[in-house]
Protein backbone atom coordinates (compact mmCIF):
# COMPACT_ATOMS: atom_id res chain seq x y z
CA MET A 1 -78.12 138.97 -53.18
CA ALA A 2 -77.07 142.60 -53.47
CA ALA A 3 -73.60 143.49 -54.76
CA SER A 4 -72.63 144.99 -51.40
CA GLU A 5 -73.53 141.74 -49.62
CA SER A 6 -71.39 139.74 -52.06
CA ASN A 7 -68.42 142.07 -51.54
CA SER A 8 -68.66 141.85 -47.75
CA GLU A 9 -68.80 138.03 -47.89
CA THR A 10 -65.72 137.98 -50.13
CA SER A 11 -63.95 140.37 -47.78
CA GLU A 12 -64.78 138.16 -44.78
CA ALA A 13 -63.45 135.07 -46.59
CA VAL A 14 -60.16 136.84 -47.30
CA ASP A 15 -59.94 137.97 -43.65
CA GLU A 16 -60.30 134.34 -42.52
CA GLN A 17 -57.23 133.29 -44.48
CA GLU A 18 -53.93 132.82 -42.71
CA SER A 19 -50.35 133.17 -43.91
CA TYR A 20 -48.39 129.99 -44.52
CA ASN A 21 -44.96 129.10 -45.84
CA VAL A 22 -44.79 125.98 -47.98
CA VAL A 23 -41.51 124.19 -48.72
CA VAL A 24 -41.59 121.79 -51.68
CA ASP A 25 -38.84 119.25 -52.39
CA PHE A 26 -38.94 117.85 -55.91
CA GLY A 27 -36.88 116.15 -58.57
CA ALA A 28 -36.59 117.49 -62.11
CA ASN A 29 -34.32 117.07 -65.08
CA THR A 30 -33.35 120.74 -65.33
CA SER A 31 -30.88 123.29 -63.99
CA ILE A 32 -30.98 125.56 -60.97
CA GLU A 33 -30.94 128.50 -63.39
CA THR A 34 -34.22 127.32 -64.94
CA ILE A 35 -35.78 126.89 -61.50
CA GLU A 36 -34.65 130.36 -60.39
CA ALA A 37 -35.95 131.93 -63.62
CA GLU A 38 -39.37 130.28 -63.26
CA PHE A 39 -39.79 131.19 -59.58
CA PRO A 40 -38.48 134.75 -59.14
CA ASN A 41 -40.95 135.44 -56.30
CA ALA A 42 -40.05 132.38 -54.24
CA VAL A 43 -38.86 132.94 -50.69
CA HIS A 44 -36.29 130.17 -51.10
CA VAL A 45 -34.82 128.30 -54.10
CA GLU A 46 -32.03 125.77 -53.66
CA GLN A 47 -30.51 122.82 -55.46
CA VAL A 48 -30.22 120.12 -52.80
CA GLY A 49 -28.70 117.36 -54.93
CA GLN A 50 -28.25 116.18 -58.49
CA GLY A 51 -31.66 116.85 -60.07
CA SER A 52 -33.19 117.67 -56.66
CA PHE A 53 -34.52 121.09 -55.73
CA GLN A 54 -36.29 122.88 -52.92
CA ILE A 55 -38.62 125.87 -53.28
CA GLY A 56 -40.24 127.87 -50.50
CA TYR A 57 -43.29 130.04 -51.13
CA GLY A 58 -45.46 132.19 -48.91
CA THR A 59 -49.20 132.02 -49.49
CA ARG A 60 -52.51 132.83 -47.86
CA ALA A 61 -55.13 130.14 -47.42
CA ALA A 62 -58.09 129.24 -45.24
CA PHE A 63 -56.38 126.09 -43.95
CA PRO A 64 -53.00 124.31 -44.24
CA ALA A 65 -54.11 121.70 -46.80
CA GLU A 66 -55.24 124.50 -49.13
CA ALA A 67 -51.84 126.20 -48.82
CA TYR A 68 -50.15 122.87 -49.57
CA ARG A 69 -52.23 122.29 -52.68
CA LYS A 70 -51.85 125.88 -53.97
CA VAL A 71 -48.06 125.82 -53.85
CA VAL A 72 -47.61 122.24 -55.09
CA ASN A 73 -49.94 123.03 -58.02
CA LEU A 74 -47.97 126.21 -58.73
CA VAL A 75 -44.65 124.34 -58.84
CA GLU A 76 -46.02 121.57 -61.05
CA THR A 77 -47.84 123.90 -63.44
CA LYS A 78 -45.05 126.43 -63.94
CA LEU A 79 -42.47 123.74 -64.63
CA GLU A 80 -44.73 121.76 -66.96
CA LEU A 81 -45.31 124.95 -69.00
CA VAL A 82 -41.57 125.07 -69.81
CA GLY A 83 -41.34 121.35 -70.59
CA VAL A 84 -40.05 120.14 -67.22
CA ASP A 85 -41.84 117.21 -65.57
CA PRO A 86 -41.30 117.61 -61.79
CA VAL A 87 -41.68 114.78 -59.30
CA VAL A 88 -42.79 116.20 -55.95
CA GLU A 89 -41.11 114.26 -53.15
CA THR A 90 -42.22 116.18 -50.06
CA ALA A 91 -44.03 119.37 -49.19
CA HIS A 92 -44.44 120.86 -45.74
CA VAL A 93 -46.60 123.74 -44.58
CA TYR A 94 -45.49 126.04 -41.79
CA GLY A 95 -47.82 128.36 -39.88
CA ALA A 96 -47.25 131.86 -38.56
CA ASN A 97 -45.21 130.58 -35.61
CA THR A 98 -43.00 128.52 -38.02
CA LYS A 99 -44.28 125.26 -36.57
CA ARG A 100 -44.95 122.62 -39.22
CA VAL A 101 -48.71 122.29 -39.41
CA PHE A 102 -49.19 120.03 -42.42
CA GLY A 103 -47.05 117.94 -44.68
CA GLY A 104 -46.89 115.11 -47.08
CA HIS A 105 -44.54 112.92 -49.00
CA THR A 106 -44.78 110.83 -52.11
CA ASP A 107 -44.10 107.13 -51.92
CA ALA A 108 -43.76 105.54 -55.36
CA GLU A 109 -45.53 102.38 -54.25
CA ILE A 110 -48.47 103.85 -52.36
CA GLY A 111 -48.91 107.31 -53.86
CA THR A 112 -49.09 110.49 -51.82
CA SER A 113 -49.53 110.22 -48.07
CA PHE A 114 -49.78 112.89 -45.44
CA ASP A 115 -48.08 113.30 -42.07
């Protein structure tokens, strides 16, 4: 395959991606200051209870499940790098029209399930 063909295929794949907002609710034994410092580019960061936080991120992905996985992985990885072990409780993906298009929650007894 020629280099120009490869570049056009990559360009088409990027064009097929859509914008999504992903909101992740998680528990962690840390402070809101740590969360804010680790996620300066987040659309939304909030402490929603003792040891409970919510982060919103915008991302581009080919489909909602990919957006979900990208942002959940980002949250888990960034916090683990600073010694925080997050427990993701819920994550919801919103499409361009702000309608929830994908979501999931974690149930301690059955593992992760999806709405």
